[in-house]
Amino acid sequence: MAALPRNAPRAFWHLYVPKLVSVLRRGYGVGDFRHDVVAGLTVAVVALPLAMALAIASGTTPEKGLHTAIIGGFLISFFGGSRVQVGGPTAAFIPVVFAVIEKFGYGGLILCTLLAGLMLIAAGLLRLGTLMKYMPQPVVVGFTAGIAVSIFSSQIKDALGLDIAKLPAEFLPRWRTYFAAFDSVDLTTAVLCIGGIVAIVGMRQWRPRWPGFLIVVAVAALLVHVAALPVDTIASRFGGIPSSLPAFAFPAIPFDRTFEMLPASFTIAFLAGVESLLSAVVADGMIGGRHRSNAELVAQGIANCGSALFGGLPATGAIARTATNVRAGARSPLAGILHAAFLLAFMLVAAPLMGDVPLAILAAVLLVVAWNMAEIEHVKHLLHGPIGDRAVLIVTFTLTVVADLTIAIEVGVVLASFLFMHRMSEVVEIESGRKLIEDDEEDATARTQPDQRSQLPDGVEAFQISGPLFFAVANRLDDVLDQFAVRPQLFILRLRRVPMLDASGAQALRQFLDRADRLGIKVFFSGLQPQPHKVLLSMHILEHSNLLLLADNFQIAVETARDFLGQLQHRAER
């Protein structure tokens, strides 16, 4: 029996070393700390109104959202595998949390969150972080857009001040209740909500650096207090927010119904895992880094367990807050930890003042969040893709809205898998037919000249993709531009051996072109086959500004690249 390499245990545990440890080992100075303080404060200002609004929309009290942002946010940044990830409650959890509280009570939510945390820790230890990245794009976009519609639906009561004693959790019964109560619309509440939406959107357009959410919430609270507007506020409905530290809380939990809660626990774990890894990928693209996906899953699990034990809600990485953290200059996970500390300070100092915040303005905040979350342009983009991807998107979206998130995810993934198998069967037929008809000249060249890179002029690099580019392999493109010690001026992506791609593969190519553009690298595609050409054309990716050439074969691409570099050098010499 062969012995394990001496460094095997170290390599395994390296997957779970928090990024905070790695950053501190590399060196951390006063300047870095100053940037993290500014970033942490900026994100806390954004997170404060959001945390309260998300908790209220989930069917619970505002301080639970703050506790989640404080406890969950701290633990995610402390143990996480991303350098700038910021965690807390997110809009994606609203439908499932509302449904769990409606069915099992708040004690049931605590148990679901604990089980989800344990599932996430197990997923990280089993190294499933990489697998979760391979979720088909139409499934992710479909359920994200569906959640956005569910969030919009949940805010109509507070946005219009409708007189409804109990709001159903299901989409269709909820809207029947709304229509039955539309004659009770409160004009003051509706005007306040619409004014809040206009103000938030206006500030994003003309003053994007201002903390629009916090400004609108603060101004609305001041207006309600001074003018004594007759609208529902945090104080009138919930009795205000306690100005005390989050305390260990373990309410009555229906352990006898644990088996019934497993589907909801799985949904929470799935949402937390996928959203946190998506957020980490977005952060990587913004800072040029690389997160540790399995460490991130373990951190999400620890954070959800911690949040549940302190009376909070499910937590995950928040894409919008993470992006704000990066734009504010964050250098390390300390920014996320400081964001949690600032939120705690805000709650301890300003809790009495938050009682005047009108629920209509928090509804306005969430309506804007829902609109942003829907990603209308992304949905339109995928609807130009192959018909199978469109079907998966529409089915996942519909089931998310009218049925259940768990069912939507399961059906979407199963449909995507069947679609993949169908495409693979078509690819086999095409490839066998091509071999019978003709031999690929480029393949013949490769056999006689193994080192293709020797043909490349200085400043040009190439990469060849072999096989179908579908959702399970699309993420590998993220690694391509990291393989070269010296950044090239031109990059030839060889696609002759790609007989088929789907919407996720097309999206990966778009992201590849975007990243190359940010790095100042121009791209050529060579040998594009008919099916990929049709998909890329229909999804407008061939119109990308960073795509300079579609070459019939590799030799033409190399010759054109050499001429292009010669022209650049000639211009520089002039």
Protein backbone atom coordinates (compact mmCIF):
# COMPACT_ATOMS: atom_id res chain seq x y z
CA MET A 1 0.00 0.00 0.00
CA ALA A 2 1.50 3.32 -1.10
CA ALA A 3 2.17 5.88 1.59
CA LEU A 4 0.41 9.23 1.47
CA PRO A 5 2.55 12.26 0.55
CA ARG A 6 4.08 13.90 3.59
CA ASN A 7 2.20 17.16 2.96
CA ALA A 8 -1.25 15.58 2.35
CA PRO A 9 -2.85 16.58 5.70
CA ARG A 10 -1.59 20.13 5.33
CA ALA A 11 -2.99 20.32 1.80
CA PHE A 12 -6.39 19.08 3.00
CA TRP A 13 -6.69 21.49 5.92
CA HIS A 14 -5.45 24.36 3.80
CA LEU A 15 -8.89 24.29 2.15
CA TYR A 16 -10.45 25.43 5.45
CA VAL A 17 -7.99 28.08 6.61
CA PRO A 18 -10.00 31.34 6.96
CA LYS A 19 -8.97 34.14 4.66
CA LEU A 20 -8.51 36.33 7.71
CA VAL A 21 -5.59 34.13 8.80
CA SER A 22 -4.05 34.22 5.31
CA VAL A 23 -4.33 38.03 5.10
CA LEU A 24 -2.76 38.57 8.52
CA ARG A 25 0.09 36.16 7.69
CA ARG A 26 0.94 38.10 4.54
CA GLY A 27 1.16 41.34 6.49
CA TYR A 28 -1.46 43.85 7.57
CA GLY A 29 -0.66 47.50 8.21
CA VAL A 30 -2.25 50.66 9.60
CA GLY A 31 -3.23 51.78 6.09
CA ASP A 32 -5.07 48.51 5.50
CA PHE A 33 -6.91 48.88 8.81
CA ARG A 34 -7.95 52.44 7.93
CA HIS A 35 -9.44 51.25 4.63
CA ASP A 36 -11.27 48.41 6.42
CA VAL A 37 -12.74 50.81 8.99
CA VAL A 38 -14.15 53.06 6.25
CA ALA A 39 -15.50 50.06 4.32
CA GLY A 40 -17.03 48.48 7.44
CA LEU A 41 -18.78 51.72 8.39
CA THR A 42 -20.06 52.21 4.82
CA VAL A 43 -21.52 48.69 4.65
CA ALA A 44 -23.07 49.01 8.11
CA VAL A 45 -24.89 52.16 7.00
CA VAL A 46 -26.30 50.23 4.01
CA ALA A 47 -27.11 47.10 6.06
CA LEU A 48 -28.94 48.84 8.93
CA PRO A 49 -32.28 49.56 7.18
CA LEU A 50 -32.01 46.41 5.06
CA ALA A 51 -31.65 44.10 8.06
CA MET A 52 -34.79 45.51 9.68
CA ALA A 53 -36.79 45.46 6.44
CA LEU A 54 -35.80 41.87 5.65
CA ALA A 55 -36.80 40.67 9.12
CA ILE A 56 -40.20 42.35 8.95
CA ALA A 57 -40.84 40.96 5.47
CA SER A 58 -39.93 37.48 6.76
CA GLY A 59 -42.74 37.65 9.31
CA THR A 60 -40.71 38.44 12.41
CA THR A 61 -39.47 41.47 14.37
CA PRO A 62 -36.84 44.00 13.17
CA GLU A 63 -34.25 43.30 15.88
CA LYS A 64 -33.94 39.70 14.66
CA GLY A 65 -32.65 41.03 11.35
CA LEU A 66 -30.11 43.19 13.18
CA HIS A 67 -29.03 40.26 15.35
CA THR A 68 -28.54 38.16 12.20
CA ALA A 69 -26.42 40.84 10.54
CA ILE A 70 -24.32 41.21 13.70
CA ILE A 71 -23.81 37.55 14.67
CA GLY A 72 -23.96 36.00 11.18
CA GLY A 73 -21.98 38.83 9.60
CA PHE A 74 -19.22 38.53 12.19
CA LEU A 75 -18.91 34.73 11.91
CA ILE A 76 -18.98 34.71 8.08
CA SER A 77 -16.13 37.21 7.90
CA PHE A 78 -14.17 35.60 10.75
CA PHE A 79 -14.27 32.01 9.42
CA GLY A 80 -14.97 32.61 5.73
CA GLY A 81 -12.94 31.74 2.67
CA SER A 82 -13.46 35.08 0.88
CA ARG A 83 -11.33 38.14 1.54
CA VAL A 84 -14.11 40.74 1.23
CA GLN A 85 -17.37 38.80 1.64
CA VAL A 86 -20.03 40.46 3.82
CA GLY A 87 -22.79 38.29 5.28
CA GLY A 88 -26.15 38.71 6.92
CA PRO A 89 -29.85 38.26 6.16
CA THR A 90 -30.75 38.48 2.46
CA ALA A 91 -33.90 38.84 0.40
CA ALA A 92 -33.58 35.31 -0.97
CA PHE A 93 -34.66 33.87 2.39
CA ILE A 94 -37.88 35.89 2.74
CA PRO A 95 -40.34 33.44 1.10
CA VAL A 96 -38.98 30.32 2.81
CA VAL A 97 -38.60 31.96 6.24
CA PHE A 98 -42.12 33.42 6.05
CA ALA A 99 -43.53 30.00 5.12
CA VAL A 100 -41.60 28.19 7.89
CA ILE A 101 -42.77 30.65 10.58
CA GLU A 102 -46.33 30.40 9.25
CA LYS A 103 -46.28 26.59 9.45
CA PHE A 104 -43.98 25.74 12.37
CA GLY A 105 -43.65 28.98 14.35
CA TYR A 106 -40.43 30.80 15.20
CA GLY A 107 -39.13 27.79 17.13
CA GLY A 108 -39.45 25.77 13.94
CA LEU A 109 -37.37 28.37 12.08
CA ILE A 110 -34.64 28.08 14.73
CA LEU A 111 -34.49 24.31 14.19
CA CYS A 112 -34.53 24.67 10.38
CA THR A 113 -31.68 27.19 10.54
CA LEU A 114 -29.64 24.95 12.86
CA LEU A 115 -30.17 21.94 10.56
CA ALA A 116 -29.25 24.07 7.54
CA GLY A 117 -26.08 25.18 9.31
CA LEU A 118 -25.09 21.57 9.99
CA MET A 119 -25.82 20.68 6.34
CA LEU A 120 -23.56 23.51 5.18
CA ILE A 121 -20.72 22.45 7.49
CA ALA A 122 -21.07 18.87 6.21
CA ALA A 123 -21.10 20.08 2.59
CA GLY A 124 -17.90 22.04 3.18
CA LEU A 125 -16.14 19.12 4.90
CA LEU A 126 -17.20 16.82 2.04
CA ARG A 127 -15.70 19.37 -0.39
CA LEU A 128 -18.98 20.01 -2.18
CA GLY A 129 -18.20 23.71 -2.56
CA THR A 130 -16.91 23.19 -6.08
CA LEU A 131 -19.99 21.19 -7.10
CA MET A 132 -22.34 23.97 -5.97
CA LYS A 133 -20.68 26.30 -8.48
CA TYR A 134 -22.01 24.12 -11.28
CA MET A 135 -25.66 25.02 -10.75
CA PRO A 136 -27.18 25.65 -14.22
CA GLN A 137 -27.57 29.34 -14.97
CA PRO A 138 -31.27 29.12 -16.00
CA VAL A 139 -32.08 27.48 -12.64
CA VAL A 140 -30.22 30.16 -10.65
CA VAL A 141 -31.76 33.04 -12.65
CA GLY A 142 -35.21 31.45 -12.60
CA PHE A 143 -35.47 31.00 -8.87
CA THR A 144 -33.76 34.35 -8.18
CA ALA A 145 -36.33 36.15 -10.37
CA GLY A 146 -39.09 34.11 -8.73
CA ILE A 147 -37.90 35.13 -5.27
CA ALA A 148 -37.90 38.77 -6.42
CA VAL A 149 -41.56 38.44 -7.45
CA SER A 150 -42.38 36.80 -4.09
CA ILE A 151 -40.68 39.67 -2.23
CA PHE A 152 -42.62 42.23 -4.28
CA SER A 153 -45.81 40.35 -3.48
CA SER A 154 -45.05 40.33 0.25
CA GLN A 155 -44.73 44.14 0.46
CA ILE A 156 -48.05 45.29 -1.02
CA LYS A 157 -49.82 45.36 2.35
CA ASP A 158 -47.29 47.70 4.01
CA ALA A 159 -46.69 49.69 0.82
CA LEU A 160 -50.38 50.62 0.49
CA GLY A 161 -51.43 50.43 4.15
CA LEU A 162 -54.05 47.75 3.47
CA ASP A 163 -56.26 46.65 6.36
CA ILE A 164 -55.42 42.93 6.45
CA ALA A 165 -55.34 41.03 9.73
CA LYS A 166 -53.44 37.96 8.48
CA LEU A 167 -51.63 37.63 5.17
CA PRO A 168 -51.46 34.14 3.56
CA ALA A 169 -48.02 32.75 2.77
CA GLU A 170 -48.99 31.34 -0.67
CA PHE A 171 -48.76 33.58 -3.73
CA LEU A 172 -52.25 33.18 -5.24
CA PRO A 173 -54.22 33.31 -1.95
CA ARG A 174 -52.15 36.35 -0.96
CA TRP A 175 -53.17 38.25 -4.10
CA ARG A 176 -56.81 37.25 -3.64
CA THR A 177 -56.58 38.78 -0.16
CA TYR A 178 -55.02 41.94 -1.61
CA PHE A 179 -57.77 42.36 -4.20
CA ALA A 180 -60.42 41.87 -1.53
CA ALA A 181 -58.82 44.63 0.60
CA PHE A 182 -57.92 47.20 -2.06
CA ASP A 183 -60.76 49.46 -0.92
CA SER A 184 -58.82 50.00 2.35
CA VAL A 185 -55.78 51.66 0.70
CA ASP A 186 -54.31 54.39 2.92
CA LEU A 187 -53.35 57.35 0.75
CA THR A 188 -50.72 58.73 3.16
CA THR A 189 -48.96 55.35 3.37
CA ALA A 190 -49.04 54.86 -0.42
CA VAL A 191 -47.64 58.36 -1.10
CA LEU A 192 -44.89 57.85 1.48
CA CYS A 193 -43.89 54.51 -0.10
CA ILE A 194 -43.91 55.87 -3.67
CA GLY A 195 -41.95 58.92 -2.57
CA GLY A 196 -39.38 56.66 -0.92
CA ILE A 197 -38.95 54.60 -4.09
CA VAL A 198 -38.52 57.74 -6.22
CA ALA A 199 -35.97 59.15 -3.75
CA ILE A 200 -33.93 55.91 -3.62
CA VAL A 201 -33.88 55.52 -7.41
CA GLY A 202 -33.09 59.22 -7.85
CA MET A 203 -30.12 59.08 -5.48
CA ARG A 204 -28.78 55.98 -7.22
CA GLN A 205 -28.96 57.87 -10.50
CA TRP A 206 -27.53 61.24 -9.45
CA ARG A 207 -25.76 60.57 -6.14
CA PRO A 208 -24.66 56.91 -6.34
CA ARG A 209 -22.11 57.27 -3.52
CA TRP A 210 -24.72 58.42 -1.02
CA PRO A 211 -26.26 55.77 1.32
CA GLY A 212 -29.70 56.12 -0.27
CA PHE A 213 -31.49 53.52 1.87
CA LEU A 214 -30.37 55.04 5.17
CA ILE A 215 -31.04 58.64 4.07
CA VAL A 216 -34.57 57.84 2.92
CA VAL A 217 -35.36 55.84 6.07
CA ALA A 218 -33.97 58.58 8.35
CA VAL A 219 -35.83 61.40 6.55
CA ALA A 220 -39.08 59.42 6.57
CA ALA A 221 -38.73 58.69 10.31
CA LEU A 222 -38.09 62.39 11.01
CA LEU A 223 -41.10 63.36 8.89
CA VAL A 224 -43.37 60.91 10.71
CA HIS A 225 -42.14 62.12 14.09
CA VAL A 226 -42.44 65.88 13.34
CA ALA A 227 -45.68 65.78 11.35
CA ALA A 228 -47.24 62.96 13.39
CA LEU A 229 -48.28 61.16 10.21
CA PRO A 230 -50.92 58.47 10.81
CA VAL A 231 -48.96 55.52 9.42
CA ASP A 232 -47.74 52.22 10.84
CA THR A 233 -44.22 52.39 12.32
CA ILE A 234 -41.84 49.93 13.94
CA ALA A 235 -42.94 51.18 17.37
CA SER A 236 -46.68 50.98 16.65
CA ARG A 237 -46.50 47.41 15.37
CA PHE A 238 -43.54 45.87 17.23
CA GLY A 239 -43.13 48.12 20.26
CA GLY A 240 -39.72 49.44 19.14
CA ILE A 241 -36.28 47.85 19.06
CA PRO A 242 -34.51 46.76 22.27
CA SER A 243 -31.20 48.56 22.86
CA SER A 244 -29.38 45.55 24.27
CA LEU A 245 -26.82 42.99 23.22
CA PRO A 246 -28.03 39.91 21.32
CA ALA A 247 -28.69 37.22 23.94
CA PHE A 248 -28.54 33.45 23.74
CA ALA A 249 -32.13 32.37 23.02
CA PHE A 250 -33.57 28.90 22.66
CA PRO A 251 -37.38 29.09 22.34
CA ALA A 252 -39.74 26.11 22.38
CA ILE A 253 -38.69 23.99 19.41
CA PRO A 254 -40.99 21.34 17.90
CA PHE A 255 -38.38 18.57 17.71
CA ASP A 256 -41.16 16.05 17.04
CA ARG A 257 -41.67 17.67 13.61
CA THR A 258 -38.00 17.56 12.62
CA PHE A 259 -38.61 15.23 9.68
CA GLU A 260 -41.25 17.62 8.28
CA MET A 261 -38.74 20.47 8.42
CA LEU A 262 -35.96 18.75 6.47
CA PRO A 263 -37.11 20.05 3.03
CA ALA A 264 -37.21 23.64 4.33
CA SER A 265 -33.82 23.13 6.02
CA PHE A 266 -32.37 21.88 2.76
CA THR A 267 -33.77 24.91 0.93
CA ILE A 268 -32.19 27.29 3.46
CA ALA A 269 -28.85 25.43 3.19
CA PHE A 270 -29.01 25.42 -0.60
CA LEU A 271 -29.84 29.13 -0.82
CA ALA A 272 -27.15 30.03 1.71
CA GLY A 273 -24.55 27.93 -0.11
CA VAL A 274 -25.34 29.06 -3.65
CA GLU A 275 -25.80 32.76 -2.82
CA SER A 276 -22.63 32.89 -0.72
CA LEU A 277 -20.54 31.26 -3.46
CA LEU A 278 -22.06 33.48 -6.14
CA SER A 279 -21.25 36.50 -3.98
CA ALA A 280 -17.69 35.22 -3.46
CA VAL A 281 -17.26 34.79 -7.23
CA VAL A 282 -18.49 38.36 -7.80
CA ALA A 283 -16.02 39.59 -5.17
CA ASP A 284 -13.18 37.63 -6.82
CA GLY A 285 -13.94 39.33 -10.13
CA MET A 286 -13.86 42.76 -8.49
CA ILE A 287 -10.59 42.32 -6.59
CA GLY A 288 -8.81 39.78 -8.78
CA GLY A 289 -8.65 37.25 -5.96
CA ARG A 290 -9.73 33.66 -5.37
CA HIS A 291 -11.97 32.43 -2.57
CA ARG A 292 -11.89 29.04 -0.80
CA SER A 293 -15.32 27.62 -1.54
CA ASN A 294 -15.27 24.81 1.02
CA ALA A 295 -14.07 27.12 3.80
CA GLU A 296 -16.86 29.50 2.81
CA LEU A 297 -19.48 26.75 3.17
CA VAL A 298 -18.17 25.81 6.62
CA ALA A 299 -18.27 29.48 7.65
CA GLN A 300 -21.85 29.80 6.38
CA GLY A 301 -22.78 26.74 8.45
CA ILE A 302 -21.15 28.14 11.60
CA ALA A 303 -22.84 31.51 11.01
CA ASN A 304 -26.29 29.99 10.62
CA CYS A 305 -25.88 27.90 13.76
CA GLY A 306 -24.67 30.98 15.67
CA SER A 307 -27.47 33.17 14.33
CA ALA A 308 -30.10 30.59 15.32
CA LEU A 309 -28.71 30.22 18.86
CA PHE A 310 -28.92 34.00 19.36
CA GLY A 311 -32.46 34.33 18.05
CA GLY A 312 -31.64 35.39 14.52
CA LEU A 313 -32.56 34.39 10.97
CA PRO A 314 -30.73 32.45 8.24
CA ALA A 315 -27.62 34.24 6.96
CA THR A 316 -25.50 34.11 3.84
CA GLY A 317 -23.10 36.19 1.77
CA ALA A 318 -24.88 39.30 0.45
CA ILE A 319 -23.88 40.25 -3.09
CA ALA A 320 -24.91 43.92 -2.90
CA ARG A 321 -23.26 44.50 0.49
CA THR A 322 -20.13 42.64 -0.63
CA ALA A 323 -19.90 44.83 -3.75
CA THR A 324 -20.36 47.93 -1.57
CA ASN A 325 -17.59 46.66 0.69
CA VAL A 326 -15.21 46.31 -2.27
CA ARG A 327 -16.08 49.72 -3.70
CA ALA A 328 -15.52 51.29 -0.26
CA GLY A 329 -11.92 50.01 -0.29
CA ALA A 330 -12.04 46.86 1.90
CA ARG A 331 -8.69 45.09 2.21
CA SER A 332 -9.49 42.09 4.41
CA PRO A 333 -12.24 40.20 6.28
CA LEU A 334 -11.77 42.71 9.10
CA ALA A 335 -14.03 45.05 7.11
CA GLY A 336 -16.89 42.56 7.47
CA ILE A 337 -16.13 42.08 11.16
CA LEU A 338 -16.12 45.86 11.68
CA HIS A 339 -19.41 46.12 9.77
CA ALA A 340 -20.94 43.83 12.42
CA ALA A 341 -19.38 45.90 15.23
CA PHE A 342 -20.75 49.16 13.79
CA LEU A 343 -24.22 47.63 13.46
CA LEU A 344 -24.09 46.59 17.11
CA ALA A 345 -23.08 50.14 18.08
CA PHE A 346 -25.91 51.62 15.99
CA MET A 347 -28.43 49.30 17.66
CA LEU A 348 -27.22 50.08 21.19
CA VAL A 349 -27.18 53.84 20.63
CA ALA A 350 -30.00 54.54 18.17
CA ALA A 351 -32.57 51.84 18.95
CA PRO A 352 -35.09 54.30 20.51
CA LEU A 353 -34.94 56.51 17.40
CA MET A 354 -35.72 53.57 15.09
CA GLY A 355 -39.22 53.22 16.48
CA ASP A 356 -40.44 56.10 14.27
CA VAL A 357 -39.35 54.37 11.04
CA PRO A 358 -42.53 53.88 8.96
CA LEU A 359 -43.17 50.39 7.61
CA ALA A 360 -44.13 51.92 4.27
CA ILE A 361 -40.57 53.19 3.78
CA LEU A 362 -39.11 49.78 4.64
CA ALA A 363 -41.50 48.34 2.05
CA ALA A 364 -40.11 50.86 -0.44
CA VAL A 365 -36.57 49.65 0.35
CA LEU A 366 -37.55 46.03 -0.30
CA LEU A 367 -39.45 46.84 -3.49
CA VAL A 368 -36.26 48.40 -4.86
CA VAL A 369 -34.27 45.37 -3.66
CA ALA A 370 -36.75 43.06 -5.41
CA TRP A 371 -36.45 44.99 -8.67
CA ASN A 372 -32.65 44.81 -8.56
CA MET A 373 -32.77 41.13 -7.61
CA ALA A 374 -34.99 40.25 -10.58
CA GLU A 375 -32.14 41.15 -13.01
CA ILE A 376 -34.55 41.78 -15.88
CA GLU A 377 -31.75 42.20 -18.43
CA HIS A 378 -30.22 38.86 -17.41
CA VAL A 379 -33.60 37.16 -17.81
CA LYS A 380 -34.07 38.72 -21.26
CA HIS A 381 -30.57 37.60 -22.18
CA LEU A 382 -31.28 33.96 -21.27
CA LEU A 383 -34.63 34.04 -23.07
CA HIS A 384 -32.61 34.49 -26.28
CA GLY A 385 -30.80 31.21 -25.56
CA PRO A 386 -31.64 27.67 -26.69
CA ILE A 387 -35.26 26.59 -26.20
CA GLY A 388 -34.33 23.99 -23.55
CA ASP A 389 -32.65 26.63 -21.36
CA ARG A 390 -35.67 28.88 -21.78
CA ALA A 391 -37.96 26.07 -20.64
CA VAL A 392 -35.83 25.42 -17.53
CA LEU A 393 -35.82 29.15 -16.71
CA ILE A 394 -39.60 29.52 -17.08
CA VAL A 395 -40.47 26.33 -15.17
CA THR A 396 -38.11 27.18 -12.30
CA PHE A 397 -39.44 30.75 -12.12
CA THR A 398 -43.09 29.64 -12.17
CA LEU A 399 -42.65 26.97 -9.49
CA THR A 400 -40.70 29.39 -7.29
CA VAL A 401 -43.55 31.88 -7.39
CA VAL A 402 -46.64 29.67 -7.18
CA ALA A 403 -45.38 26.49 -5.50
CA ASP A 404 -42.28 26.07 -3.33
CA LEU A 405 -38.59 26.93 -3.55
CA THR A 406 -37.51 23.38 -2.80
CA ILE A 407 -39.74 21.95 -5.54
CA ALA A 408 -38.58 24.65 -7.96
CA ILE A 409 -34.90 23.88 -7.37
CA GLU A 410 -35.38 20.11 -7.59
CA VAL A 411 -37.47 20.26 -10.77
CA GLY A 412 -35.15 22.85 -12.36
CA VAL A 413 -32.03 20.77 -11.73
CA VAL A 414 -33.70 17.56 -12.94
CA LEU A 415 -34.93 19.30 -16.12
CA ALA A 416 -31.45 20.73 -16.73
CA SER A 417 -29.94 17.25 -16.27
CA PHE A 418 -32.34 15.67 -18.77
CA LEU A 419 -31.66 18.53 -21.17
CA PHE A 420 -27.93 17.92 -20.78
CA MET A 421 -28.31 14.19 -21.51
CA HIS A 422 -30.40 14.97 -24.58
CA ARG A 423 -27.74 17.38 -25.84
CA MET A 424 -24.98 14.87 -25.22
CA SER A 425 -26.80 12.27 -27.33
CA GLU A 426 -27.05 14.80 -30.16
CA VAL A 427 -23.37 15.66 -29.86
CA VAL A 428 -22.34 12.00 -30.18
CA GLU A 429 -24.30 11.70 -33.42
CA ILE A 430 -22.82 14.87 -34.84
CA GLU A 431 -19.24 13.91 -33.96
CA SER A 432 -19.55 10.39 -35.38
CA GLY A 433 -21.00 11.83 -38.58
CA ARG A 434 -18.21 14.38 -38.88
CA LYS A 435 -15.53 11.72 -38.52
CA LEU A 436 -17.08 9.74 -41.34
CA ILE A 437 -17.23 12.76 -43.66
CA GLU A 438 -13.98 14.59 -43.09
CA ASP A 439 -10.86 14.82 -40.94
CA ASP A 440 -10.21 18.07 -39.10
CA GLU A 441 -7.21 19.85 -40.65
CA GLU A 442 -6.46 21.58 -37.37
CA ASP A 443 -6.33 18.21 -35.58
CA ALA A 444 -3.92 16.92 -38.24
CA THR A 445 -1.72 19.92 -37.68
CA ALA A 446 -1.78 19.29 -33.95
CA ARG A 447 -0.58 15.72 -34.47
CA THR A 448 2.44 16.81 -36.52
CA GLN A 449 3.26 19.82 -34.36
CA PRO A 450 2.49 19.13 -30.67
CA ASP A 451 3.70 22.48 -29.35
CA GLN A 452 1.19 24.92 -30.84
CA ARG A 453 2.46 27.73 -28.62
CA SER A 454 5.75 27.78 -30.54
CA GLN A 455 3.84 29.31 -33.48
CA LEU A 456 2.64 32.23 -31.40
CA PRO A 457 4.34 35.62 -31.67
CA ASP A 458 5.34 37.46 -28.50
CA GLY A 459 2.32 38.98 -26.80
CA VAL A 460 -0.10 36.29 -28.02
CA GLU A 461 -1.39 33.30 -26.05
CA ALA A 462 -3.89 30.57 -26.96
CA PHE A 463 -6.14 28.10 -25.19
CA GLN A 464 -8.10 25.25 -26.73
CA ILE A 465 -11.42 23.96 -25.36
CA SER A 466 -12.29 20.37 -26.24
CA GLY A 467 -15.81 19.05 -25.78
CA PRO A 468 -19.21 20.61 -25.06
CA LEU A 469 -19.16 23.87 -23.13
CA PHE A 470 -22.18 23.46 -20.84
CA PHE A 471 -23.08 24.41 -17.29
CA ALA A 472 -20.90 21.77 -15.60
CA VAL A 473 -17.66 22.95 -17.23
CA ALA A 474 -18.36 26.63 -17.94
CA ASN A 475 -16.70 27.78 -14.68
CA ARG A 476 -13.33 26.39 -15.82
CA LEU A 477 -13.00 29.42 -18.10
CA ASP A 478 -12.45 31.51 -14.95
CA ASP A 479 -9.02 29.92 -14.60
CA VAL A 480 -7.78 30.46 -18.16
CA LEU A 481 -6.38 33.98 -17.81
CA ASP A 482 -4.64 33.07 -14.53
CA GLN A 483 -2.37 30.49 -16.18
CA PHE A 484 0.09 32.90 -17.76
CA ALA A 485 2.94 34.51 -15.87
CA VAL A 486 3.11 37.41 -18.35
CA ARG A 487 -0.19 38.96 -19.38
CA PRO A 488 -0.65 38.71 -23.19
CA GLN A 489 -1.92 41.46 -25.47
CA LEU A 490 -3.98 39.08 -27.60
CA PHE A 491 -5.67 35.84 -26.68
CA ILE A 492 -6.85 33.18 -29.13
CA LEU A 493 -9.63 30.98 -27.77
CA ARG A 494 -9.75 27.85 -29.95
CA LEU A 495 -13.29 26.50 -30.21
CA ARG A 496 -13.13 24.04 -33.12
CA ARG A 497 -13.52 21.10 -30.73
CA VAL A 498 -16.58 22.61 -29.01
CA PRO A 499 -19.55 21.05 -30.84
CA MET A 500 -22.19 22.47 -28.48
CA LEU A 501 -22.71 25.11 -25.79
CA ASP A 502 -25.71 26.11 -23.69
CA ALA A 503 -26.77 29.36 -22.03
CA SER A 504 -24.37 28.83 -19.10
CA GLY A 505 -21.48 28.23 -21.49
CA ALA A 506 -22.43 31.34 -23.45
CA GLN A 507 -22.60 33.35 -20.23
CA ALA A 508 -19.15 32.01 -19.27
CA LEU A 509 -17.77 33.23 -22.61
CA ARG A 510 -19.33 36.65 -22.02
CA GLN A 511 -17.73 36.84 -18.54
CA PHE A 512 -14.42 35.70 -20.06
CA LEU A 513 -14.61 38.55 -22.61
CA ASP A 514 -15.54 41.02 -19.85
CA ARG A 515 -12.59 39.96 -17.70
CA ALA A 516 -10.17 40.04 -20.63
CA ASP A 517 -11.43 43.54 -21.42
CA ARG A 518 -10.74 44.69 -17.84
CA LEU A 519 -7.23 43.26 -18.12
CA GLY A 520 -6.63 44.98 -21.48
CA ILE A 521 -6.46 41.70 -23.45
CA LYS A 522 -8.08 41.47 -26.90
CA VAL A 523 -9.67 38.15 -27.87
CA PHE A 524 -9.94 36.09 -31.07
CA PHE A 525 -12.29 33.09 -31.46
CA SER A 526 -11.09 30.46 -33.92
CA GLY A 527 -12.93 27.51 -35.46
CA LEU A 528 -16.40 28.33 -34.09
CA GLN A 529 -18.82 25.49 -34.94
CA PRO A 530 -22.41 26.04 -36.24
CA GLN A 531 -24.37 25.33 -33.03
CA PRO A 532 -22.16 27.50 -30.75
CA HIS A 533 -22.14 30.21 -33.44
CA LYS A 534 -25.94 30.23 -33.55
CA VAL A 535 -26.28 30.45 -29.75
CA LEU A 536 -23.64 33.18 -29.39
CA LEU A 537 -25.24 35.13 -32.22
CA SER A 538 -28.75 34.90 -30.73
CA MET A 539 -27.47 35.97 -27.30
CA HIS A 540 -25.53 38.92 -28.84
CA ILE A 541 -22.19 37.77 -27.45
CA LEU A 542 -20.51 37.98 -30.84
CA GLU A 543 -21.20 41.73 -30.68
CA HIS A 544 -18.95 42.12 -27.61
CA SER A 545 -16.55 45.05 -27.98
CA ASN A 546 -13.54 42.98 -26.85
CA LEU A 547 -14.01 40.26 -29.51
CA LEU A 548 -11.81 41.36 -32.42
CA LEU A 549 -12.05 38.43 -34.81
CA LEU A 550 -13.86 35.22 -35.70
CA ALA A 551 -11.26 33.15 -37.55
CA ASP A 552 -12.08 30.02 -39.54
CA ASN A 553 -9.06 28.22 -38.13
CA PHE A 554 -6.10 28.61 -35.81
CA GLN A 555 -3.58 29.48 -38.52
CA ILE A 556 -5.65 32.43 -39.75
CA ALA A 557 -6.03 33.64 -36.16
CA VAL A 558 -2.24 33.47 -35.58
CA GLU A 559 -1.46 35.33 -38.82
CA THR A 560 -4.05 38.00 -38.10
CA ALA A 561 -2.76 38.38 -34.53
CA ARG A 562 0.79 38.84 -35.86
CA ASP A 563 -0.43 41.53 -38.32
CA PHE A 564 -2.46 43.25 -35.59
CA LEU A 565 0.52 43.44 -33.22
CA GLY A 566 2.68 44.73 -36.07
CA GLN A 567 0.20 47.53 -36.70
CA LEU A 568 0.17 48.42 -33.00
CA GLN A 569 3.98 48.52 -32.92
CA HIS A 570 4.07 50.65 -36.07
CA ARG A 571 1.62 53.14 -34.55
CA ALA A 572 3.67 53.26 -31.35
CA GLU A 573 6.88 53.99 -33.29
CA ARG A 574 5.18 56.80 -35.19
